[in-house]
Amino acid sequence: TVDLAVEAGVPIDVKIEYDVVPDFLGGALAITVGIEPDLSHPEALIEEAAAAAAAADVVVLVVGTNSKVESEGFDRTSLDLPGRQDELVRAVAAANPRTVVVVNAGSPVLMPWRNDVSAVLLSWFGGQEYGDAVAAILLGESEPGGRLPTTWPVTLEDVPVFDVTPVDGVVRYDEGIHIGYRAWLKAGTEPAYEFGHGLGYTEWTLDVLTLDRLYVAPEENGADTVAVTVGLTNTGDRAGKQVVQVYASRAESAIDRPVRWLVGFAAVHAEAGESVVASILVPARAFADWQDGWHFEPGDFRLEAGTSVSALPLGATVTVR
């Protein structure tokens, strides 16, 4: 970019020269020419947004990242929202607490203002119908039925696996099997939003968990799976969706295991007041560990069902023979 001195009403010519240097793309290129947004007075822009928020009944504020911040081709340098977006959210929320923040990002970001707004909608990166999709969700025509496949931290310092910079072209996985949500469980740090978390427009109770058998025997034909059945009820006043998740754990083990690990999940839909059943088939492999081949440690394992990795109200014990 380059700054230009201009006068109102006086046209100017702009000439752009670019030296094409062949690279692994064979010299292919694309150029976008335009005018950068006027960011010369950011405080004034934030004040303008806050004033508009104060005069509104409800505020929908979209923040996030873009391809210049996160991509498959490079790593992010932080989890902060770019620029002064955090300041913008705080100013708008202070002016109008009835603020819904739509987070348009492809991976976790820090949201230090999350408890100061009425709702947070994670939209990920949308396509051509992004606007229509977000409007349908905000107006209640559709339900935000997704669940987090990642863990969202309170602060960057809380992230259990942080050093991912290659040394001599090598990235070491010293954490072993404790990656992702498993690393968070081992560290015992409470995140802002845990793996599997997600809310909709109704309320649910998980009522009962049953197993079709209390053991698995990988060597016995027909006895190598456990069918987990969870009964739940939509206790709200509108139809909705819930994702029932089942995790396994073993309190005492001769090998290194995660605190708990996901072994299956199922989505269910129900009308207001309706009770439904979620069925999850857990294979014997879910209880195995790797020792130059799949290995089964005999004994008791705990199966727990709930709506996220840390919200697991129902449980039962299954034995590996």
C-alpha atoms as a PDB file:
ATOM      1  CA  THR A   1       0.000   0.000   0.000  1.00  0.00           C
ATOM      2  CA  VAL A   2       1.030   3.598  -0.489  1.00  0.00           C
ATOM      3  CA  ASP A   3      -0.322   6.880   0.801  1.00  0.00           C
ATOM      4  CA  LEU A   4      -1.407   9.490  -1.738  1.00  0.00           C
ATOM      5  CA  ALA A   5      -2.038  13.192  -1.203  1.00  0.00           C
ATOM      6  CA  VAL A   6      -5.253  14.129  -3.000  1.00  0.00           C
ATOM      7  CA  GLU A   7      -7.624  17.074  -3.321  1.00  0.00           C
ATOM      8  CA  ALA A   8     -11.382  16.809  -3.309  1.00  0.00           C
ATOM      9  CA  GLY A   9     -12.790  16.793  -6.849  1.00  0.00           C
ATOM     10  CA  VAL A  10      -9.385  16.512  -8.555  1.00  0.00           C
ATOM     11  CA  PRO A  11      -8.925  13.191 -10.436  1.00  0.00           C
ATOM     12  CA  ILE A  12      -5.551  11.458 -10.396  1.00  0.00           C
ATOM     13  CA  ASP A  13      -3.978   8.597 -12.306  1.00  0.00           C
ATOM     14  CA  VAL A  14      -2.523   5.652 -10.406  1.00  0.00           C
ATOM     15  CA  LYS A  15       0.081   3.412 -12.047  1.00  0.00           C
ATOM     16  CA  ILE A  16       0.934   0.025 -10.544  1.00  0.00           C
ATOM     17  CA  GLU A  17       4.049  -1.901 -11.589  1.00  0.00           C
ATOM     18  CA  TYR A  18       4.662  -5.485 -10.531  1.00  0.00           C
ATOM     19  CA  ASP A  19       7.670  -7.644 -11.348  1.00  0.00           C
ATOM     20  CA  VAL A  20       6.627 -11.213 -12.123  1.00  0.00           C
ATOM     21  CA  VAL A  21       9.080 -13.723 -10.625  1.00  0.00           C
ATOM     22  CA  PRO A  22       8.356 -17.366 -11.577  1.00  0.00           C
ATOM     23  CA  ASP A  23       7.842 -19.606  -8.550  1.00  0.00           C
ATOM     24  CA  PHE A  24       6.344 -23.002  -7.756  1.00  0.00           C
ATOM     25  CA  LEU A  25       3.038 -21.733  -9.170  1.00  0.00           C
ATOM     26  CA  GLY A  26       4.664 -21.111 -12.522  1.00  0.00           C
ATOM     27  CA  GLY A  27       4.322 -17.353 -12.287  1.00  0.00           C
ATOM     28  CA  ALA A  28       0.537 -17.422 -11.882  1.00  0.00           C
ATOM     29  CA  LEU A  29      -0.766 -14.413 -10.001  1.00  0.00           C
ATOM     30  CA  ALA A  30      -3.815 -12.333  -9.244  1.00  0.00           C
ATOM     31  CA  ILE A  31      -3.852  -8.656  -8.333  1.00  0.00           C
ATOM     32  CA  THR A  32      -6.604  -6.821  -6.483  1.00  0.00           C
ATOM     33  CA  VAL A  33      -6.502  -3.035  -6.607  1.00  0.00           C
ATOM     34  CA  GLY A  34      -8.574  -0.850  -4.326  1.00  0.00           C
ATOM     35  CA  ILE A  35      -8.685   1.707  -1.559  1.00  0.00           C
ATOM     36  CA  GLU A  36      -7.987   0.700   2.011  1.00  0.00           C
ATOM     37  CA  PRO A  37     -10.652   1.460   4.627  1.00  0.00           C
ATOM     38  CA  ASP A  38     -10.185   4.742   6.422  1.00  0.00           C
ATOM     39  CA  LEU A  39      -8.721   3.711   9.761  1.00  0.00           C
ATOM     40  CA  SER A  40      -7.172   7.073  10.534  1.00  0.00           C
ATOM     41  CA  HIS A  41      -9.590   7.698  13.413  1.00  0.00           C
ATOM     42  CA  PRO A  42     -10.422   4.304  15.004  1.00  0.00           C
ATOM     43  CA  GLU A  43     -11.713   5.872  18.212  1.00  0.00           C
ATOM     44  CA  ALA A  44     -14.244   7.860  16.217  1.00  0.00           C
ATOM     45  CA  LEU A  45     -15.398   4.711  14.409  1.00  0.00           C
ATOM     46  CA  ILE A  46     -15.858   2.848  17.692  1.00  0.00           C
ATOM     47  CA  GLU A  47     -17.738   5.807  19.178  1.00  0.00           C
ATOM     48  CA  GLU A  48     -19.965   5.894  16.106  1.00  0.00           C
ATOM     49  CA  ALA A  49     -20.747   2.181  16.485  1.00  0.00           C
ATOM     50  CA  ALA A  50     -21.527   2.599  20.189  1.00  0.00           C
ATOM     51  CA  ALA A  51     -23.869   5.502  19.456  1.00  0.00           C
ATOM     52  CA  ALA A  52     -25.707   3.423  16.853  1.00  0.00           C
ATOM     53  CA  ALA A  53     -25.952   0.558  19.355  1.00  0.00           C
ATOM     54  CA  ALA A  54     -27.398   2.807  22.040  1.00  0.00           C
ATOM     55  CA  ALA A  55     -30.160   3.872  19.656  1.00  0.00           C
ATOM     56  CA  ALA A  56     -31.015   0.296  18.615  1.00  0.00           C
ATOM     57  CA  ASP A  57     -33.372  -2.237  20.161  1.00  0.00           C
ATOM     58  CA  VAL A  58     -31.035  -5.160  19.443  1.00  0.00           C
ATOM     59  CA  VAL A  59     -27.486  -5.191  18.102  1.00  0.00           C
ATOM     60  CA  VAL A  60     -25.981  -7.815  15.785  1.00  0.00           C
ATOM     61  CA  LEU A  61     -22.232  -7.326  15.719  1.00  0.00           C
ATOM     62  CA  VAL A  62     -20.092  -9.437  13.374  1.00  0.00           C
ATOM     63  CA  VAL A  63     -16.421  -9.910  14.236  1.00  0.00           C
ATOM     64  CA  GLY A  64     -13.837 -12.437  13.160  1.00  0.00           C
ATOM     65  CA  THR A  65     -10.835 -13.260  11.036  1.00  0.00           C
ATOM     66  CA  ASN A  66     -10.143 -13.753   7.340  1.00  0.00           C
ATOM     67  CA  SER A  67      -7.716 -15.423   4.959  1.00  0.00           C
ATOM     68  CA  LYS A  68      -5.012 -12.904   5.863  1.00  0.00           C
ATOM     69  CA  VAL A  69      -5.159 -14.049   9.488  1.00  0.00           C
ATOM     70  CA  GLU A  70      -5.646 -17.808   9.255  1.00  0.00           C
ATOM     71  CA  SER A  71      -5.022 -20.175   6.387  1.00  0.00           C
ATOM     72  CA  GLU A  72      -3.821 -23.673   5.587  1.00  0.00           C
ATOM     73  CA  GLY A  73      -0.569 -22.171   4.368  1.00  0.00           C
ATOM     74  CA  PHE A  74       0.633 -20.431   7.550  1.00  0.00           C
ATOM     75  CA  ASP A  75       0.130 -20.411  11.303  1.00  0.00           C
ATOM     76  CA  ARG A  76      -1.509 -17.702  13.353  1.00  0.00           C
ATOM     77  CA  THR A  77       0.677 -15.660  15.656  1.00  0.00           C
ATOM     78  CA  SER A  78      -1.999 -15.312  18.359  1.00  0.00           C
ATOM     79  CA  LEU A  79      -5.630 -16.145  19.155  1.00  0.00           C
ATOM     80  CA  ASP A  80      -6.660 -12.490  19.476  1.00  0.00           C
ATOM     81  CA  LEU A  81      -9.229 -11.020  17.125  1.00  0.00           C
ATOM     82  CA  PRO A  82      -7.351  -8.789  14.664  1.00  0.00           C
ATOM     83  CA  GLY A  83      -7.261  -5.054  15.107  1.00  0.00           C
ATOM     84  CA  ARG A  84      -9.399  -3.388  17.744  1.00  0.00           C
ATOM     85  CA  GLN A  85     -12.405  -5.688  17.519  1.00  0.00           C
ATOM     86  CA  ASP A  86     -12.335  -6.514  21.237  1.00  0.00           C
ATOM     87  CA  GLU A  87     -12.553  -2.802  22.025  1.00  0.00           C
ATOM     88  CA  LEU A  88     -15.419  -2.487  19.566  1.00  0.00           C
ATOM     89  CA  VAL A  89     -17.394  -5.298  21.216  1.00  0.00           C
ATOM     90  CA  ARG A  90     -16.848  -3.864  24.692  1.00  0.00           C
ATOM     91  CA  ALA A  91     -17.985  -0.406  23.629  1.00  0.00           C
ATOM     92  CA  VAL A  92     -21.074  -1.702  21.832  1.00  0.00           C
ATOM     93  CA  ALA A  93     -22.036  -4.041  24.687  1.00  0.00           C
ATOM     94  CA  ALA A  94     -21.646  -1.225  27.199  1.00  0.00           C
ATOM     95  CA  ALA A  95     -23.977   0.920  25.096  1.00  0.00           C
ATOM     96  CA  ASN A  96     -26.530  -1.854  24.597  1.00  0.00           C
ATOM     97  CA  PRO A  97     -26.392  -5.136  26.572  1.00  0.00           C
ATOM     98  CA  ARG A  98     -28.873  -6.676  24.079  1.00  0.00           C
ATOM     99  CA  THR A  99     -25.973  -7.461  21.765  1.00  0.00           C
ATOM    100  CA  VAL A 100     -25.517 -10.664  19.772  1.00  0.00           C
ATOM    101  CA  VAL A 101     -21.956 -11.205  18.590  1.00  0.00           C
ATOM    102  CA  VAL A 102     -21.518 -13.329  15.475  1.00  0.00           C
ATOM    103  CA  VAL A 103     -17.990 -14.768  15.343  1.00  0.00           C
ATOM    104  CA  ASN A 104     -16.960 -15.330  11.722  1.00  0.00           C
ATOM    105  CA  ALA A 105     -13.775 -17.357  12.200  1.00  0.00           C
ATOM    106  CA  GLY A 106     -12.387 -20.707  11.145  1.00  0.00           C
ATOM    107  CA  SER A 107     -10.733 -21.667  14.437  1.00  0.00           C
ATOM    108  CA  PRO A 108     -10.739 -20.619  18.114  1.00  0.00           C
ATOM    109  CA  VAL A 109     -10.319 -16.970  19.053  1.00  0.00           C
ATOM    110  CA  LEU A 110     -10.199 -15.292  22.441  1.00  0.00           C
ATOM    111  CA  MET A 111     -13.437 -13.629  23.535  1.00  0.00           C
ATOM    112  CA  PRO A 112     -12.695 -11.673  26.739  1.00  0.00           C
ATOM    113  CA  TRP A 113     -16.096  -9.951  26.417  1.00  0.00           C
ATOM    114  CA  ARG A 114     -18.132 -13.169  26.110  1.00  0.00           C
ATOM    115  CA  ASN A 115     -19.889 -12.701  29.466  1.00  0.00           C
ATOM    116  CA  ASP A 116     -20.842  -9.093  28.682  1.00  0.00           C
ATOM    117  CA  VAL A 117     -23.063  -9.833  25.672  1.00  0.00           C
ATOM    118  CA  SER A 118     -26.437 -11.524  25.412  1.00  0.00           C
ATOM    119  CA  ALA A 119     -25.361 -14.260  22.999  1.00  0.00           C
ATOM    120  CA  VAL A 120     -22.443 -15.490  20.930  1.00  0.00           C
ATOM    121  CA  LEU A 121     -23.101 -17.221  17.602  1.00  0.00           C
ATOM    122  CA  LEU A 122     -20.181 -19.064  16.050  1.00  0.00           C
ATOM    123  CA  SER A 123     -20.796 -19.116  12.315  1.00  0.00           C
ATOM    124  CA  TRP A 124     -17.404 -20.359  11.080  1.00  0.00           C
ATOM    125  CA  PHE A 125     -16.583 -19.204   7.536  1.00  0.00           C
ATOM    126  CA  GLY A 126     -19.689 -19.007   5.374  1.00  0.00           C
ATOM    127  CA  GLY A 127     -20.160 -18.975   1.615  1.00  0.00           C
ATOM    128  CA  GLN A 128     -22.493 -17.102  -0.706  1.00  0.00           C
ATOM    129  CA  GLU A 129     -25.536 -17.784   1.502  1.00  0.00           C
ATOM    130  CA  TYR A 130     -23.804 -16.708   4.703  1.00  0.00           C
ATOM    131  CA  GLY A 131     -26.032 -13.686   5.235  1.00  0.00           C
ATOM    132  CA  ASP A 132     -29.258 -15.596   4.663  1.00  0.00           C
ATOM    133  CA  ALA A 133     -28.091 -18.448   6.920  1.00  0.00           C
ATOM    134  CA  VAL A 134     -27.163 -16.138   9.802  1.00  0.00           C
ATOM    135  CA  ALA A 135     -30.445 -14.238   9.433  1.00  0.00           C
ATOM    136  CA  ALA A 136     -32.433 -17.492   9.526  1.00  0.00           C
ATOM    137  CA  ILE A 137     -30.701 -18.510  12.755  1.00  0.00           C
ATOM    138  CA  LEU A 138     -31.018 -15.105  14.447  1.00  0.00           C
ATOM    139  CA  LEU A 139     -34.706 -14.907  13.547  1.00  0.00           C
ATOM    140  CA  GLY A 140     -35.364 -18.393  14.872  1.00  0.00           C
ATOM    141  CA  GLU A 141     -36.293 -19.923  11.523  1.00  0.00           C
ATOM    142  CA  SER A 142     -33.419 -22.386  11.994  1.00  0.00           C
ATOM    143  CA  GLU A 143     -31.637 -23.609  15.091  1.00  0.00           C
ATOM    144  CA  PRO A 144     -27.872 -23.327  15.656  1.00  0.00           C
ATOM    145  CA  GLY A 145     -27.460 -27.081  16.099  1.00  0.00           C
ATOM    146  CA  GLY A 146     -23.682 -27.432  15.828  1.00  0.00           C
ATOM    147  CA  ARG A 147     -21.321 -28.576  18.578  1.00  0.00           C
ATOM    148  CA  LEU A 148     -17.706 -27.498  19.055  1.00  0.00           C
ATOM    149  CA  PRO A 149     -15.054 -29.786  17.540  1.00  0.00           C
ATOM    150  CA  THR A 150     -12.392 -27.700  19.289  1.00  0.00           C
ATOM    151  CA  THR A 151     -11.724 -26.227  22.742  1.00  0.00           C
ATOM    152  CA  TRP A 152     -11.906 -22.438  23.089  1.00  0.00           C
ATOM    153  CA  PRO A 153      -9.603 -20.956  25.759  1.00  0.00           C
ATOM    154  CA  VAL A 154     -10.098 -18.081  28.176  1.00  0.00           C
ATOM    155  CA  THR A 155      -6.524 -16.865  27.644  1.00  0.00           C
ATOM    156  CA  LEU A 156      -3.663 -17.918  25.411  1.00  0.00           C
ATOM    157  CA  GLU A 157      -1.682 -18.953  28.486  1.00  0.00           C
ATOM    158  CA  ASP A 158      -4.332 -21.587  29.261  1.00  0.00           C
ATOM    159  CA  VAL A 159      -3.661 -23.519  26.050  1.00  0.00           C
ATOM    160  CA  PRO A 160      -1.972 -26.779  27.165  1.00  0.00           C
ATOM    161  CA  VAL A 161      -0.061 -27.408  23.928  1.00  0.00           C
ATOM    162  CA  PHE A 162       1.413 -24.141  22.749  1.00  0.00           C
ATOM    163  CA  ASP A 163       4.909 -24.690  21.308  1.00  0.00           C
ATOM    164  CA  VAL A 164       4.256 -25.985  17.807  1.00  0.00           C
ATOM    165  CA  THR A 165       7.191 -24.365  16.023  1.00  0.00           C
ATOM    166  CA  PRO A 166       9.277 -26.837  13.984  1.00  0.00           C
ATOM    167  CA  VAL A 167      12.938 -27.211  14.958  1.00  0.00           C
ATOM    168  CA  ASP A 168      15.104 -28.285  12.025  1.00  0.00           C
ATOM    169  CA  GLY A 169      11.924 -29.180  10.181  1.00  0.00           C
ATOM    170  CA  VAL A 170      10.584 -31.403  12.978  1.00  0.00           C
ATOM    171  CA  VAL A 171       7.563 -30.819  15.215  1.00  0.00           C
ATOM    172  CA  ARG A 172       7.710 -32.935  18.372  1.00  0.00           C
ATOM    173  CA  TYR A 173       4.540 -34.383  19.836  1.00  0.00           C
ATOM    174  CA  ASP A 174       5.860 -34.708  23.377  1.00  0.00           C
ATOM    175  CA  GLU A 175       2.286 -34.716  24.684  1.00  0.00           C
ATOM    176  CA  GLY A 176       1.767 -38.156  23.118  1.00  0.00           C
ATOM    177  CA  ILE A 177      -1.888 -39.155  23.030  1.00  0.00           C
ATOM    178  CA  HIS A 178      -2.933 -36.121  25.080  1.00  0.00           C
ATOM    179  CA  ILE A 179      -3.847 -33.821  22.201  1.00  0.00           C
ATOM    180  CA  GLY A 180      -6.868 -31.611  21.631  1.00  0.00           C
ATOM    181  CA  TYR A 181      -9.514 -31.846  24.344  1.00  0.00           C
ATOM    182  CA  ARG A 182      -7.493 -34.652  25.966  1.00  0.00           C
ATOM    183  CA  ALA A 183      -4.694 -32.184  26.679  1.00  0.00           C
ATOM    184  CA  TRP A 184      -7.167 -29.830  28.342  1.00  0.00           C
ATOM    185  CA  LEU A 185      -8.528 -32.635  30.532  1.00  0.00           C
ATOM    186  CA  LYS A 186      -5.027 -33.679  31.618  1.00  0.00           C
ATOM    187  CA  ALA A 187      -4.048 -30.083  32.423  1.00  0.00           C
ATOM    188  CA  GLY A 188      -7.258 -29.574  34.402  1.00  0.00           C
ATOM    189  CA  THR A 189      -7.679 -26.047  33.046  1.00  0.00           C
ATOM    190  CA  GLU A 190     -11.227 -24.807  32.536  1.00  0.00           C
ATOM    191  CA  PRO A 191     -11.735 -23.368  29.042  1.00  0.00           C
ATOM    192  CA  ALA A 192     -14.194 -20.718  27.932  1.00  0.00           C
ATOM    193  CA  TYR A 193     -16.069 -23.337  25.893  1.00  0.00           C
ATOM    194  CA  GLU A 194     -15.274 -27.025  26.008  1.00  0.00           C
ATOM    195  CA  PHE A 195     -15.149 -29.679  23.294  1.00  0.00           C
ATOM    196  CA  GLY A 196     -18.670 -30.748  22.319  1.00  0.00           C
ATOM    197  CA  HIS A 197     -20.356 -27.638  23.736  1.00  0.00           C
ATOM    198  CA  GLY A 198     -23.223 -26.001  21.907  1.00  0.00           C
ATOM    199  CA  LEU A 199     -26.603 -24.466  22.716  1.00  0.00           C
ATOM    200  CA  GLY A 200     -29.864 -24.310  20.801  1.00  0.00           C
ATOM    201  CA  TYR A 201     -33.257 -22.691  21.241  1.00  0.00           C
ATOM    202  CA  THR A 202     -34.762 -25.194  23.660  1.00  0.00           C
ATOM    203  CA  GLU A 203     -33.891 -27.065  26.864  1.00  0.00           C
ATOM    204  CA  TRP A 204     -33.200 -30.762  27.417  1.00  0.00           C
ATOM    205  CA  THR A 205     -32.950 -33.299  30.204  1.00  0.00           C
ATOM    206  CA  LEU A 206     -31.054 -36.551  29.856  1.00  0.00           C
ATOM    207  CA  ASP A 207     -33.190 -39.093  31.658  1.00  0.00           C
ATOM    208  CA  VAL A 208     -31.724 -42.586  31.511  1.00  0.00           C
ATOM    209  CA  LEU A 209     -28.787 -44.567  30.090  1.00  0.00           C
ATOM    210  CA  THR A 210     -28.963 -48.274  29.324  1.00  0.00           C
ATOM    211  CA  LEU A 211     -26.514 -50.787  27.826  1.00  0.00           C
ATOM    212  CA  ASP A 212     -27.447 -53.862  25.819  1.00  0.00           C
ATOM    213  CA  ARG A 213     -24.615 -55.726  27.566  1.00  0.00           C
ATOM    214  CA  LEU A 214     -22.303 -55.065  30.470  1.00  0.00           C
ATOM    215  CA  TYR A 215     -19.180 -56.451  28.817  1.00  0.00           C
ATOM    216  CA  VAL A 216     -17.251 -56.617  25.568  1.00  0.00           C
ATOM    217  CA  ALA A 217     -15.200 -59.620  24.507  1.00  0.00           C
ATOM    218  CA  PRO A 218     -13.192 -58.743  21.370  1.00  0.00           C
ATOM    219  CA  GLU A 219     -12.441 -62.414  20.724  1.00  0.00           C
ATOM    220  CA  GLU A 220     -16.096 -63.468  20.895  1.00  0.00           C
ATOM    221  CA  ASN A 221     -18.167 -63.113  17.737  1.00  0.00           C
ATOM    222  CA  GLY A 222     -21.143 -60.844  18.352  1.00  0.00           C
ATOM    223  CA  ALA A 223     -19.852 -59.606  21.699  1.00  0.00           C
ATOM    224  CA  ASP A 224     -17.477 -56.933  20.452  1.00  0.00           C
ATOM    225  CA  THR A 225     -19.818 -53.942  20.607  1.00  0.00           C
ATOM    226  CA  VAL A 226     -21.923 -52.212  23.245  1.00  0.00           C
ATOM    227  CA  ALA A 227     -25.147 -50.471  22.250  1.00  0.00           C
ATOM    228  CA  VAL A 228     -25.650 -47.389  24.433  1.00  0.00           C
ATOM    229  CA  THR A 229     -29.199 -46.054  24.607  1.00  0.00           C
ATOM    230  CA  VAL A 230     -29.921 -42.638  26.100  1.00  0.00           C
ATOM    231  CA  GLY A 231     -33.439 -41.396  26.727  1.00  0.00           C
ATOM    232  CA  LEU A 232     -33.868 -37.633  26.753  1.00  0.00           C
ATOM    233  CA  THR A 233     -36.681 -35.090  26.784  1.00  0.00           C
ATOM    234  CA  ASN A 234     -37.136 -31.724  25.114  1.00  0.00           C
ATOM    235  CA  THR A 235     -38.372 -29.692  28.075  1.00  0.00           C
ATOM    236  CA  GLY A 236     -38.533 -26.392  26.158  1.00  0.00           C
ATOM    237  CA  ASP A 237     -41.362 -24.749  24.258  1.00  0.00           C
ATOM    238  CA  ARG A 238     -40.174 -25.360  20.691  1.00  0.00           C
ATOM    239  CA  ALA A 239     -38.722 -28.136  18.566  1.00  0.00           C
ATOM    240  CA  GLY A 240     -34.989 -28.618  18.746  1.00  0.00           C
ATOM    241  CA  LYS A 241     -31.887 -30.720  18.231  1.00  0.00           C
ATOM    242  CA  GLN A 242     -29.488 -32.262  20.705  1.00  0.00           C
ATOM    243  CA  VAL A 243     -26.209 -34.124  20.190  1.00  0.00           C
ATOM    244  CA  VAL A 244     -25.733 -36.910  22.719  1.00  0.00           C
ATOM    245  CA  GLN A 245     -22.070 -37.753  23.278  1.00  0.00           C
ATOM    246  CA  VAL A 246     -20.580 -40.843  24.936  1.00  0.00           C
ATOM    247  CA  TYR A 247     -17.108 -40.847  26.522  1.00  0.00           C
ATOM    248  CA  ALA A 248     -15.067 -43.698  27.991  1.00  0.00           C
ATOM    249  CA  SER A 249     -12.633 -43.574  30.901  1.00  0.00           C
ATOM    250  CA  ARG A 250     -10.679 -45.872  33.183  1.00  0.00           C
ATOM    251  CA  ALA A 251      -9.714 -44.683  36.639  1.00  0.00           C
ATOM    252  CA  GLU A 252      -6.822 -47.093  37.142  1.00  0.00           C
ATOM    253  CA  SER A 253      -4.816 -48.390  34.223  1.00  0.00           C
ATOM    254  CA  ALA A 254      -1.421 -49.950  33.598  1.00  0.00           C
ATOM    255  CA  ILE A 255      -0.966 -47.784  30.512  1.00  0.00           C
ATOM    256  CA  ASP A 256      -1.120 -44.061  29.813  1.00  0.00           C
ATOM    257  CA  ARG A 257      -4.713 -43.135  28.950  1.00  0.00           C
ATOM    258  CA  PRO A 258      -6.616 -39.886  28.470  1.00  0.00           C
ATOM    259  CA  VAL A 259      -8.786 -38.716  31.336  1.00  0.00           C
ATOM    260  CA  ARG A 260     -11.683 -39.605  29.029  1.00  0.00           C
ATOM    261  CA  TRP A 261     -12.134 -40.012  25.305  1.00  0.00           C
ATOM    262  CA  LEU A 262     -15.027 -39.716  22.862  1.00  0.00           C
ATOM    263  CA  VAL A 263     -16.340 -43.101  21.694  1.00  0.00           C
ATOM    264  CA  GLY A 264     -19.540 -42.106  19.888  1.00  0.00           C
ATOM    265  CA  PHE A 265     -22.306 -39.559  19.415  1.00  0.00           C
ATOM    266  CA  ALA A 266     -25.760 -39.226  17.868  1.00  0.00           C
ATOM    267  CA  ALA A 267     -27.986 -36.290  16.954  1.00  0.00           C
ATOM    268  CA  VAL A 268     -31.681 -36.366  17.816  1.00  0.00           C
ATOM    269  CA  HIS A 269     -34.612 -34.054  17.114  1.00  0.00           C
ATOM    270  CA  ALA A 270     -37.740 -33.669  19.221  1.00  0.00           C
ATOM    271  CA  GLU A 271     -40.840 -31.510  19.415  1.00  0.00           C
ATOM    272  CA  ALA A 272     -41.548 -29.474  22.537  1.00  0.00           C
ATOM    273  CA  GLY A 273     -42.281 -31.845  25.420  1.00  0.00           C
ATOM    274  CA  GLU A 274     -41.361 -34.928  23.420  1.00  0.00           C
ATOM    275  CA  SER A 275     -39.107 -37.713  24.723  1.00  0.00           C
ATOM    276  CA  VAL A 276     -36.792 -39.463  22.279  1.00  0.00           C
ATOM    277  CA  VAL A 277     -34.045 -42.075  22.332  1.00  0.00           C
ATOM    278  CA  ALA A 278     -30.478 -41.710  21.084  1.00  0.00           C
ATOM    279  CA  SER A 279     -28.640 -44.908  20.158  1.00  0.00           C
ATOM    280  CA  ILE A 280     -24.847 -45.032  19.974  1.00  0.00           C
ATOM    281  CA  LEU A 281     -22.970 -48.194  19.032  1.00  0.00           C
ATOM    282  CA  VAL A 282     -19.597 -48.347  20.795  1.00  0.00           C
ATOM    283  CA  PRO A 283     -17.126 -50.761  19.159  1.00  0.00           C
ATOM    284  CA  ALA A 284     -14.606 -52.789  21.132  1.00  0.00           C
ATOM    285  CA  ARG A 285     -11.835 -50.798  19.429  1.00  0.00           C
ATOM    286  CA  ALA A 286     -12.881 -47.825  21.572  1.00  0.00           C
ATOM    287  CA  PHE A 287     -11.428 -49.629  24.621  1.00  0.00           C
ATOM    288  CA  ALA A 288      -8.179 -50.689  22.925  1.00  0.00           C
ATOM    289  CA  ASP A 289      -4.684 -49.251  23.168  1.00  0.00           C
ATOM    290  CA  TRP A 290      -1.817 -49.524  20.697  1.00  0.00           C
ATOM    291  CA  GLN A 291       1.184 -51.714  21.501  1.00  0.00           C
ATOM    292  CA  ASP A 292       2.624 -52.593  18.075  1.00  0.00           C
ATOM    293  CA  GLY A 293      -0.955 -53.682  17.371  1.00  0.00           C
ATOM    294  CA  TRP A 294      -4.318 -53.264  19.036  1.00  0.00           C
ATOM    295  CA  HIS A 295      -4.208 -54.440  22.642  1.00  0.00           C
ATOM    296  CA  PHE A 296      -7.020 -54.826  25.172  1.00  0.00           C
ATOM    297  CA  GLU A 297      -6.462 -54.281  28.870  1.00  0.00           C
ATOM    298  CA  PRO A 298      -9.090 -56.359  30.699  1.00  0.00           C
ATOM    299  CA  GLY A 299     -11.155 -54.795  33.428  1.00  0.00           C
ATOM    300  CA  ASP A 300     -13.813 -52.157  34.022  1.00  0.00           C
ATOM    301  CA  PHE A 301     -14.300 -49.042  31.922  1.00  0.00           C
ATOM    302  CA  ARG A 302     -16.739 -46.208  32.595  1.00  0.00           C
ATOM    303  CA  LEU A 303     -19.104 -44.999  29.873  1.00  0.00           C
ATOM    304  CA  GLU A 304     -20.611 -41.549  30.428  1.00  0.00           C
ATOM    305  CA  ALA A 305     -23.219 -39.756  28.326  1.00  0.00           C
ATOM    306  CA  GLY A 306     -23.971 -36.066  28.083  1.00  0.00           C
ATOM    307  CA  THR A 307     -23.830 -32.962  25.938  1.00  0.00           C
ATOM    308  CA  SER A 308     -20.105 -32.103  26.050  1.00  0.00           C
ATOM    309  CA  VAL A 309     -16.819 -33.490  27.318  1.00  0.00           C
ATOM    310  CA  SER A 310     -17.506 -31.991  30.766  1.00  0.00           C
ATOM    311  CA  ALA A 311     -21.323 -32.233  30.979  1.00  0.00           C
ATOM    312  CA  LEU A 312     -21.908 -35.946  31.513  1.00  0.00           C
ATOM    313  CA  PRO A 313     -24.797 -36.636  33.911  1.00  0.00           C
ATOM    314  CA  LEU A 314     -25.331 -40.320  33.041  1.00  0.00           C
ATOM    315  CA  GLY A 315     -22.972 -43.259  33.375  1.00  0.00           C
ATOM    316  CA  ALA A 316     -22.563 -47.032  33.486  1.00  0.00           C
ATOM    317  CA  THR A 317     -19.740 -49.551  33.762  1.00  0.00           C
ATOM    318  CA  VAL A 318     -18.720 -51.995  31.051  1.00  0.00           C
ATOM    319  CA  THR A 319     -16.135 -54.761  31.455  1.00  0.00           C
ATOM    320  CA  VAL A 320     -13.589 -55.784  28.852  1.00  0.00           C
ATOM    321  CA  ARG A 321     -12.993 -59.537  29.021  1.00  0.00           C
END
